[in-house]
Amino acid sequence: MTADDSFGRLDDDDYPAYTMGRAAELLGTTQGFLRAIGEARLITPLRSAGGHRRYSRYQLRIAARARELVDHGTPIEAACRIVILEDQLEEAQRINAEHRSATESGNPTAAT
């Protein structure tokens, strides 16, 4: 991948552009917090060629939500589970909306 390719992907929410240090700095947390939510399988950072953790903007949003819950006194394991369930609910609602839209348009198989 060239530098031009990498620059073009910075708008990609899933592109692992942030090092662990930078991610922790942006979230106002510690690298240990990022490791803990990784161990709880909330997010799985990609690894650079040298083995360093890299985070995407999407992963940072997920981590920020977990941090918000932890800051309000929720244990980290519970915070991770809550975020996972919130994400699953959002996905189910999106699928239901697509299904409703397809049904209303008279094409019930379009959502499958």
Protein backbone atom coordinates (compact mmCIF):
# COMPACT_ATOMS: atom_id res chain seq x y z
CA MET A 1 0.00 0.00 0.00
CA THR A 2 1.41 3.39 -0.93
CA ALA A 3 1.15 6.61 1.06
CA ASP A 4 -1.47 7.84 -1.42
CA ASP A 5 -3.57 4.71 -0.79
CA SER A 6 -3.33 5.19 2.97
CA PHE A 7 -4.27 8.87 2.75
CA GLY A 8 -7.35 8.04 0.69
CA ARG A 9 -8.54 5.55 3.31
CA LEU A 10 -8.50 8.03 6.21
CA ASP A 11 -12.18 8.74 5.56
CA ASP A 12 -12.93 5.02 5.98
CA ASP A 13 -14.46 4.39 9.43
CA ASP A 14 -12.94 0.91 9.48
CA TYR A 15 -9.39 1.89 8.50
CA PRO A 16 -7.03 1.26 11.46
CA ALA A 17 -5.38 4.68 11.44
CA TYR A 18 -4.75 5.23 15.15
CA THR A 19 -1.99 3.81 17.31
CA MET A 20 -2.83 2.69 20.83
CA GLY A 21 -1.19 5.80 22.30
CA ARG A 22 -3.07 8.16 20.00
CA ALA A 23 -6.35 6.30 20.57
CA ALA A 24 -5.95 6.54 24.35
CA GLU A 25 -5.11 10.23 24.04
CA LEU A 26 -8.18 10.93 21.88
CA LEU A 27 -10.44 9.06 24.31
CA GLY A 28 -8.86 10.64 27.39
CA THR A 29 -8.13 7.23 28.85
CA THR A 30 -5.22 4.87 29.37
CA GLN A 31 -3.72 2.24 27.14
CA GLY A 32 -4.66 -0.24 29.88
CA PHE A 33 -8.33 0.61 29.35
CA LEU A 34 -7.97 -0.16 25.64
CA ARG A 35 -6.27 -3.45 26.45
CA ALA A 36 -9.05 -4.30 28.95
CA ILE A 37 -11.87 -3.73 26.45
CA GLY A 38 -9.88 -5.76 23.95
CA GLU A 39 -9.61 -8.62 26.45
CA ALA A 40 -13.38 -8.33 27.03
CA ARG A 41 -13.73 -8.70 23.23
CA LEU A 42 -15.56 -5.44 22.78
CA ILE A 43 -13.13 -4.42 20.07
CA THR A 44 -10.32 -6.29 18.36
CA PRO A 45 -7.69 -3.89 17.07
CA LEU A 46 -5.82 -4.79 13.95
CA ARG A 47 -2.09 -5.23 14.19
CA SER A 48 0.57 -3.40 12.23
CA ALA A 49 3.38 -5.31 10.53
CA GLY A 50 5.40 -4.76 13.70
CA GLY A 51 2.62 -6.16 15.91
CA HIS A 52 1.36 -2.84 17.28
CA ARG A 53 -2.36 -2.32 17.90
CA ARG A 54 -4.17 -0.05 15.44
CA TYR A 55 -7.68 1.30 15.95
CA SER A 56 -10.31 2.58 13.54
CA ARG A 57 -12.68 5.49 14.09
CA TYR A 58 -15.53 3.00 14.49
CA GLN A 59 -13.61 1.20 17.23
CA LEU A 60 -12.87 4.51 18.94
CA ARG A 61 -16.60 5.34 19.00
CA ILE A 62 -17.31 1.94 20.58
CA ALA A 63 -14.51 2.46 23.12
CA ALA A 64 -15.80 5.95 23.93
CA ARG A 65 -19.25 4.55 24.73
CA ALA A 66 -17.70 1.92 27.01
CA ARG A 67 -15.64 4.60 28.73
CA GLU A 68 -18.75 6.70 29.27
CA LEU A 69 -20.43 3.78 31.05
CA VAL A 70 -17.33 3.03 33.12
CA ASP A 71 -17.04 6.70 34.08
CA HIS A 72 -20.60 6.45 35.46
CA GLY A 73 -19.65 3.51 37.68
CA THR A 74 -20.44 0.50 35.48
CA PRO A 75 -17.89 -2.31 35.81
CA ILE A 76 -15.84 -2.68 32.63
CA GLU A 77 -17.12 -6.18 31.82
CA ALA A 78 -20.74 -5.01 32.18
CA ALA A 79 -20.03 -1.87 30.14
CA CYS A 80 -18.64 -3.99 27.32
CA ARG A 81 -21.69 -6.26 27.39
CA ILE A 82 -24.04 -3.25 27.33
CA VAL A 83 -22.24 -1.77 24.32
CA ILE A 84 -22.39 -5.11 22.50
CA LEU A 85 -26.12 -5.39 23.18
CA GLU A 86 -26.70 -1.78 22.07
CA ASP A 87 -24.86 -2.53 18.83
CA GLN A 88 -26.92 -5.70 18.26
CA LEU A 89 -30.16 -3.78 18.91
CA GLU A 90 -29.16 -1.06 16.45
CA GLU A 91 -28.42 -3.69 13.79
CA ALA A 92 -31.75 -5.47 14.42
CA GLN A 93 -33.61 -2.16 14.14
CA ARG A 94 -31.84 -1.41 10.86
CA ILE A 95 -32.79 -4.82 9.45
CA ASN A 96 -36.40 -4.37 10.58
CA ALA A 97 -36.56 -0.95 8.94
CA GLU A 98 -35.24 -2.42 5.68
CA HIS A 99 -37.80 -5.20 5.91
CA ARG A 100 -40.65 -2.75 6.52
CA SER A 101 -39.49 -0.58 3.64
CA ALA A 102 -39.35 -3.56 1.27
CA THR A 103 -42.78 -4.75 2.39
CA GLU A 104 -44.31 -1.29 1.98
CA SER A 105 -42.88 -1.00 -1.51
CA GLY A 106 -44.62 -4.25 -2.48
CA ASN A 107 -41.46 -6.31 -2.79
CA PRO A 108 -41.16 -8.43 0.39
CA THR A 109 -38.19 -10.43 -0.91
CA ALA A 110 -36.01 -7.34 -1.47
CA ALA A 111 -34.80 -7.31 2.14
CA THR A 112 -33.57 -10.90 2.13
